[in-house]
Amino acid sequence: MSVVTTPLKIGISACLLGQNVRWNGGHALNRFVAHTLGHFVSFVPVCPEMECGLGTPRETLRLVGSVEAPRLVTTKTGIDHTERMQTWAKKRLDQLAEEDLCGFIFKKDSPSSGLLRVKVYNEKGQPVKKGVGMFARAFTERFPRIPVEEEGRLNDPKLRENFIEQIFTLRDWRNTLSERKAMGRLVAFHTRQKMLILSHSQKHYREMGKLVAAGKEMGMKALHDRYEALLMEALSLKTTIKKNTNVLLHILGHFKKQLSADEKQEMLELIDNYRAEQIPLIVPVTLVNHYVRKYDKPYLAQQTYLNPHPLELKLRNHA
């Protein structure tokens, strides 16, 4: 992976960092996010309810009305804070646009920050778990290409890996754009992302390849915009054991003339064990990295797929 030259910055619900901003004056510290991921990213904490002036402790809020356009009201007294939240959110999103965020981690179930399955109460007072928090909805509409996730879903190792892979790759892409908007920079980025993109979507990789090949026929701004859209689309698709296996076999093909019969057999056995869900992905990838160094494979050495995020995050250690 190319060296990250600027801080990787992500937004986050402030309570997840241990800030006492919840309705009851407490917090919802997420130790993995704050204490592990926090070593590799810079956080921009946001608490919609505190920042729009509701204070703490405060009466709880809930979404009421239609799932598509609910109102934000207090639970007991029924005070409507919809306009207050919307006015604040517009200004806050303008500020966040200047932060160069590569992701956002939201607090689950929150009427302001929940990303999925937030309760919306209908006219009969019955909850329907199909809503989106008011600020989370505004954020995703304003920044549709910035990866977002809920802190609860980060307990799933595959969802965690996918989200973190997205934010590191987006930071790499942003660095590529910031250095020089030249065709050579785009080609170099696309080259080193090949295996990573293939592990998510062969279809997207083919489409992106055609785009890069015909890039000189487009203006650079339009080219970069279309490429970024396809990149983030591809990365939003989850990797699978089958996709990773295909990538590993593709990589193995680069060692046809170097590996001994025993080394090739060992690699194939590890790939088969991974395919059978007996070992985690990190095992065959570690052996591949060993062979990359041993046989001096510069093309593979630059592949983001082999080192997409810090090893300390232990994201490929699940079988």
Protein backbone atom coordinates (compact mmCIF):
# COMPACT_ATOMS: atom_id res chain seq x y z
CA MET A 1 0.00 0.00 0.00
CA SER A 2 1.24 3.49 -0.77
CA VAL A 3 2.32 5.56 2.21
CA VAL A 4 -0.47 7.68 3.67
CA THR A 5 0.95 11.19 3.56
CA THR A 6 -1.88 13.06 5.27
CA PRO A 7 -3.90 12.14 8.37
CA LEU A 8 -6.74 9.70 7.79
CA LYS A 9 -9.64 11.59 9.30
CA ILE A 10 -13.07 10.17 10.06
CA GLY A 11 -16.15 11.56 11.72
CA ILE A 12 -17.66 9.78 14.71
CA SER A 13 -20.54 10.05 17.15
CA ALA A 14 -18.87 11.74 20.13
CA CYS A 15 -20.31 9.35 22.72
CA LEU A 16 -18.36 6.47 21.12
CA LEU A 17 -15.12 8.17 22.17
CA GLY A 18 -16.24 8.25 25.79
CA GLN A 19 -17.57 11.81 25.79
CA ASN A 20 -20.43 12.28 28.27
CA VAL A 21 -22.95 13.66 25.80
CA ARG A 22 -25.77 11.11 25.86
CA TRP A 23 -29.28 12.00 27.05
CA ASN A 24 -28.51 10.71 30.55
CA GLY A 25 -25.12 12.41 30.80
CA GLY A 26 -23.27 9.18 30.05
CA HIS A 27 -21.28 7.84 27.11
CA ALA A 28 -21.10 4.73 24.92
CA LEU A 29 -17.35 4.21 24.64
CA ASN A 30 -16.37 1.76 21.91
CA ARG A 31 -12.95 0.44 22.90
CA PHE A 32 -11.98 -0.95 19.50
CA VAL A 33 -12.78 2.31 17.77
CA ALA A 34 -11.34 4.66 20.39
CA HIS A 35 -8.33 2.66 21.60
CA THR A 36 -7.35 0.49 18.61
CA LEU A 37 -8.48 2.19 15.42
CA GLY A 38 -7.73 5.49 17.12
CA HIS A 39 -3.98 4.83 16.79
CA PHE A 40 -4.28 5.08 13.01
CA VAL A 41 -6.92 7.74 12.37
CA SER A 42 -7.86 11.22 13.56
CA PHE A 43 -11.42 11.59 14.83
CA VAL A 44 -13.82 14.48 14.28
CA PRO A 45 -16.43 13.96 17.04
CA VAL A 46 -20.01 15.06 16.46
CA CYS A 47 -23.01 14.95 18.82
CA PRO A 48 -26.05 16.35 16.98
CA GLU A 49 -28.27 16.68 20.04
CA MET A 50 -25.67 18.45 22.17
CA GLU A 51 -24.40 20.62 19.34
CA CYS A 52 -27.86 21.81 18.32
CA GLY A 53 -28.34 23.07 21.87
CA LEU A 54 -30.38 20.43 23.68
CA GLY A 55 -27.88 19.98 26.53
CA THR A 56 -27.38 17.04 28.88
CA PRO A 57 -29.05 15.41 30.68
CA ARG A 58 -32.07 15.88 28.44
CA GLU A 59 -35.42 14.36 27.60
CA THR A 60 -35.08 11.49 25.16
CA LEU A 61 -36.06 11.97 21.52
CA ARG A 62 -37.72 9.77 18.95
CA LEU A 63 -38.67 9.85 15.28
CA VAL A 64 -42.38 10.18 14.57
CA GLY A 65 -44.38 10.01 11.34
CA SER A 66 -43.34 8.59 7.98
CA VAL A 67 -40.18 6.54 7.63
CA GLU A 68 -39.06 8.69 4.69
CA ALA A 69 -39.53 12.08 6.39
CA PRO A 70 -40.08 11.71 10.14
CA ARG A 71 -40.24 14.47 12.73
CA LEU A 72 -37.84 14.58 15.70
CA VAL A 73 -39.81 15.05 18.93
CA THR A 74 -39.26 14.61 22.66
CA THR A 75 -40.64 11.35 24.03
CA LYS A 76 -42.83 12.63 26.88
CA THR A 77 -43.57 16.30 26.21
CA GLY A 78 -43.84 16.00 22.42
CA ILE A 79 -41.74 19.07 21.66
CA ASP A 80 -40.80 19.11 17.98
CA HIS A 81 -37.07 19.74 17.36
CA THR A 82 -37.08 18.90 13.64
CA GLU A 83 -36.32 22.41 12.33
CA ARG A 84 -33.73 23.01 15.05
CA MET A 85 -31.90 19.80 14.06
CA GLN A 86 -32.16 20.45 10.32
CA THR A 87 -30.86 24.01 10.62
CA TRP A 88 -27.92 22.90 12.75
CA ALA A 89 -27.17 19.92 10.49
CA LYS A 90 -26.91 22.09 7.38
CA LYS A 91 -24.30 24.32 9.02
CA ARG A 92 -22.42 21.36 10.54
CA LEU A 93 -22.27 19.54 7.20
CA ASP A 94 -20.78 22.66 5.62
CA GLN A 95 -18.06 22.52 8.29
CA LEU A 96 -17.49 18.79 7.81
CA ALA A 97 -17.09 19.35 4.07
CA GLU A 98 -13.85 21.16 4.94
CA GLU A 99 -12.54 18.30 7.08
CA ASP A 100 -11.67 15.90 4.21
CA LEU A 101 -13.36 13.01 6.00
CA CYS A 102 -12.75 9.48 4.71
CA GLY A 103 -15.50 7.88 6.76
CA PHE A 104 -18.02 8.24 9.57
CA ILE A 105 -18.96 5.90 12.44
CA PHE A 106 -22.47 6.47 13.77
CA LYS A 107 -24.18 5.48 17.04
CA LYS A 108 -26.72 2.73 16.42
CA ASP A 109 -30.41 3.22 17.26
CA SER A 110 -30.03 6.97 17.77
CA PRO A 111 -32.90 9.12 16.41
CA SER A 112 -30.28 11.61 15.23
CA SER A 113 -27.32 9.37 14.38
CA GLY A 114 -28.61 5.84 13.80
CA LEU A 115 -27.81 4.60 10.32
CA LEU A 116 -30.04 1.54 10.02
CA ARG A 117 -33.27 0.19 11.49
CA VAL A 118 -33.97 3.19 13.72
CA LYS A 119 -37.42 3.17 15.32
CA VAL A 120 -39.98 5.48 13.73
CA TYR A 121 -43.29 5.74 15.60
CA ASN A 122 -46.43 5.84 13.46
CA GLU A 123 -49.68 7.65 14.19
CA LYS A 124 -50.76 4.79 16.46
CA GLY A 125 -47.60 5.09 18.51
CA GLN A 126 -46.21 1.83 17.19
CA PRO A 127 -42.50 1.64 16.32
CA VAL A 128 -41.33 0.58 12.88
CA LYS A 129 -37.62 -0.27 12.71
CA LYS A 130 -37.00 1.08 9.22
CA GLY A 131 -35.79 4.60 9.91
CA VAL A 132 -32.55 6.56 9.63
CA GLY A 133 -31.40 9.12 12.18
CA MET A 134 -32.00 12.69 11.08
CA PHE A 135 -28.35 13.72 11.02
CA ALA A 136 -27.17 10.39 9.60
CA ARG A 137 -29.63 10.76 6.72
CA ALA A 138 -28.47 14.32 6.02
CA PHE A 139 -24.82 13.22 6.11
CA THR A 140 -25.23 10.32 3.70
CA GLU A 141 -27.26 12.46 1.30
CA ARG A 142 -24.62 15.21 1.35
CA PHE A 143 -21.61 12.83 1.13
CA PRO A 144 -22.81 9.68 -0.70
CA ARG A 145 -19.27 8.45 -1.44
CA ILE A 146 -17.89 8.66 2.08
CA PRO A 147 -17.96 5.21 3.75
CA VAL A 148 -20.27 5.06 6.76
CA GLU A 149 -20.93 2.39 9.36
CA GLU A 150 -22.64 1.90 12.71
CA GLU A 151 -20.55 1.05 15.73
CA GLY A 152 -22.65 -2.03 16.48
CA ARG A 153 -22.03 -3.51 13.04
CA LEU A 154 -18.28 -3.11 13.55
CA ASN A 155 -18.51 -6.08 15.91
CA ASP A 156 -18.92 -8.20 12.79
CA PRO A 157 -15.33 -8.93 11.64
CA LYS A 158 -16.23 -8.92 7.94
CA LEU A 159 -18.12 -5.63 8.12
CA ARG A 160 -15.31 -4.15 10.20
CA GLU A 161 -12.69 -5.21 7.67
CA ASN A 162 -14.74 -3.89 4.76
CA PHE A 163 -15.29 -0.47 6.34
CA ILE A 164 -11.67 0.01 7.34
CA GLU A 165 -10.47 -1.15 3.93
CA GLN A 166 -12.72 1.49 2.37
CA ILE A 167 -11.45 4.37 4.49
CA PHE A 168 -7.77 3.54 3.91
CA THR A 169 -8.30 3.17 0.17
CA LEU A 170 -10.23 6.42 -0.06
CA ARG A 171 -7.38 8.16 1.77
CA ASP A 172 -4.94 6.70 -0.78
CA TRP A 173 -7.16 7.95 -3.60
CA ARG A 174 -7.42 11.43 -2.09
CA ASN A 175 -3.63 11.55 -1.76
CA THR A 176 -3.32 10.56 -5.40
CA LEU A 177 -5.57 13.42 -6.45
CA SER A 178 -3.85 15.95 -4.22
CA GLU A 179 -0.38 15.33 -5.65
CA ARG A 180 -1.11 15.86 -9.33
CA LYS A 181 -4.16 15.26 -11.49
CA ALA A 182 -2.22 13.53 -14.25
CA MET A 183 -3.06 10.42 -16.22
CA GLY A 184 0.07 8.68 -14.97
CA ARG A 185 -1.01 9.08 -11.35
CA LEU A 186 -4.39 7.52 -12.10
CA VAL A 187 -2.80 4.60 -13.96
CA ALA A 188 -0.40 3.99 -11.06
CA PHE A 189 -3.25 4.04 -8.53
CA HIS A 190 -5.38 1.70 -10.63
CA THR A 191 -2.44 -0.68 -11.06
CA ARG A 192 -1.73 -1.05 -7.35
CA GLN A 193 -5.43 -1.41 -6.53
CA LYS A 194 -6.01 -4.21 -9.07
CA MET A 195 -6.11 -7.17 -6.69
CA LEU A 196 -8.07 -5.26 -4.07
CA ILE A 197 -10.77 -4.24 -6.54
CA LEU A 198 -10.92 -7.77 -7.96
CA SER A 199 -11.54 -9.11 -4.44
CA HIS A 200 -14.70 -7.01 -4.38
CA SER A 201 -15.98 -6.99 -7.97
CA GLN A 202 -14.55 -8.27 -11.23
CA LYS A 203 -17.30 -6.38 -13.05
CA HIS A 204 -16.24 -3.05 -11.57
CA TYR A 205 -12.57 -3.75 -12.23
CA ARG A 206 -13.29 -4.36 -15.93
CA GLU A 207 -15.38 -1.19 -16.18
CA MET A 208 -12.71 0.85 -14.38
CA GLY A 209 -10.04 -0.59 -16.66
CA LYS A 210 -11.97 0.51 -19.74
CA LEU A 211 -12.42 3.94 -18.21
CA VAL A 212 -8.69 4.34 -17.55
CA ALA A 213 -7.80 3.05 -21.03
CA ALA A 214 -10.07 5.63 -22.65
CA GLY A 215 -9.24 8.33 -20.12
CA LYS A 216 -7.54 10.71 -22.52
CA GLU A 217 -10.86 11.15 -24.34
CA MET A 218 -12.40 12.68 -21.19
CA GLY A 219 -11.57 15.76 -19.21
CA MET A 220 -9.53 14.95 -16.12
CA LYS A 221 -12.20 16.22 -13.74
CA ALA A 222 -14.92 14.05 -15.30
CA LEU A 223 -12.54 11.09 -15.47
CA HIS A 224 -11.60 11.32 -11.80
CA ASP A 225 -15.22 11.81 -10.75
CA ARG A 226 -16.39 8.72 -12.65
CA TYR A 227 -13.44 6.65 -11.45
CA GLU A 228 -14.07 7.60 -7.81
CA ALA A 229 -17.74 6.68 -8.13
CA LEU A 230 -16.86 3.23 -9.49
CA LEU A 231 -14.12 2.73 -6.90
CA MET A 232 -16.38 3.39 -3.94
CA GLU A 233 -19.18 1.35 -5.53
CA ALA A 234 -16.82 -1.60 -5.88
CA LEU A 235 -15.48 -1.36 -2.35
CA SER A 236 -18.99 -1.23 -0.91
CA LEU A 237 -19.50 -4.78 -2.22
CA LYS A 238 -18.31 -7.32 0.32
CA THR A 239 -15.41 -9.63 -0.34
CA THR A 240 -16.15 -13.36 -0.11
CA ILE A 241 -14.08 -16.50 0.33
CA LYS A 242 -14.66 -17.29 -3.34
CA LYS A 243 -13.51 -13.84 -4.49
CA ASN A 244 -10.43 -13.92 -2.25
CA THR A 245 -9.58 -17.43 -3.41
CA ASN A 246 -9.68 -16.31 -7.04
CA VAL A 247 -7.37 -13.40 -6.23
CA LEU A 248 -4.93 -15.66 -4.39
CA LEU A 249 -4.81 -18.07 -7.33
CA HIS A 250 -4.30 -15.13 -9.68
CA ILE A 251 -1.39 -13.94 -7.55
CA LEU A 252 0.06 -17.45 -7.48
CA GLY A 253 0.23 -17.33 -11.27
CA HIS A 254 2.87 -14.60 -10.99
CA PHE A 255 5.27 -17.13 -9.43
CA LYS A 256 5.16 -19.78 -12.19
CA LYS A 257 8.89 -19.63 -12.82
CA GLN A 258 10.05 -19.08 -9.24
CA LEU A 259 8.27 -21.41 -6.83
CA SER A 260 9.62 -24.90 -6.28
CA ALA A 261 7.16 -27.79 -6.47
CA ASP A 262 7.04 -27.94 -2.66
CA GLU A 263 6.47 -24.19 -2.31
CA LYS A 264 3.66 -24.24 -4.86
CA GLN A 265 2.06 -27.22 -3.15
CA GLU A 266 2.25 -25.48 0.23
CA MET A 267 0.61 -22.38 -1.21
CA LEU A 268 -2.16 -24.39 -2.86
CA GLU A 269 -2.82 -26.26 0.38
CA LEU A 270 -3.16 -23.01 2.31
CA ILE A 271 -5.54 -21.61 -0.30
CA ASP A 272 -7.63 -24.80 -0.10
CA ASN A 273 -7.66 -24.60 3.69
CA TYR A 274 -8.79 -20.99 3.49
CA ARG A 275 -11.49 -21.93 0.99
CA ALA A 276 -12.68 -24.60 3.43
CA GLU A 277 -12.84 -21.95 6.20
CA GLN A 278 -10.21 -23.78 8.25
CA ILE A 279 -7.75 -20.89 8.41
CA PRO A 280 -8.09 -17.10 8.16
CA LEU A 281 -7.10 -15.06 5.11
CA ILE A 282 -4.03 -13.67 6.87
CA VAL A 283 -2.32 -17.09 6.63
CA PRO A 284 -2.07 -17.44 2.82
CA VAL A 285 -1.54 -13.68 2.46
CA THR A 286 1.43 -13.85 4.85
CA LEU A 287 3.03 -16.62 2.78
CA VAL A 288 2.40 -14.65 -0.42
CA ASN A 289 4.14 -11.63 1.10
CA HIS A 290 7.06 -13.88 2.02
CA TYR A 291 7.39 -15.08 -1.58
CA VAL A 292 7.04 -11.51 -2.88
CA ARG A 293 10.11 -10.52 -0.87
CA LYS A 294 12.02 -13.74 -1.49
CA TYR A 295 11.61 -13.62 -5.27
CA ASP A 296 11.60 -9.83 -5.63
CA LYS A 297 8.22 -9.19 -7.23
CA PRO A 298 7.86 -5.38 -7.45
CA TYR A 299 4.45 -5.52 -9.17
CA LEU A 300 2.99 -7.61 -6.37
CA ALA A 301 4.85 -5.67 -3.69
CA GLN A 302 2.87 -2.57 -4.61
CA GLN A 303 -0.52 -4.31 -4.49
CA THR A 304 -2.73 -2.75 -1.81
CA TYR A 305 -4.52 -6.08 -1.42
CA LEU A 306 -1.50 -7.62 0.30
CA ASN A 307 -1.27 -4.80 2.87
CA PRO A 308 -4.56 -2.88 2.85
CA HIS A 309 -4.48 -1.74 6.48
CA PRO A 310 -2.23 -1.94 9.57
CA LEU A 311 -1.60 -5.49 10.81
CA GLU A 312 -2.24 -4.29 14.37
CA LEU A 313 -5.96 -4.05 13.53
CA LYS A 314 -6.03 -7.86 13.02
CA LEU A 315 -8.77 -7.60 10.42
CA ARG A 316 -7.96 -10.74 8.45
CA ASN A 317 -7.56 -13.02 11.44
CA HIS A 318 -11.08 -14.48 11.40
CA ALA A 319 -11.78 -17.84 9.77
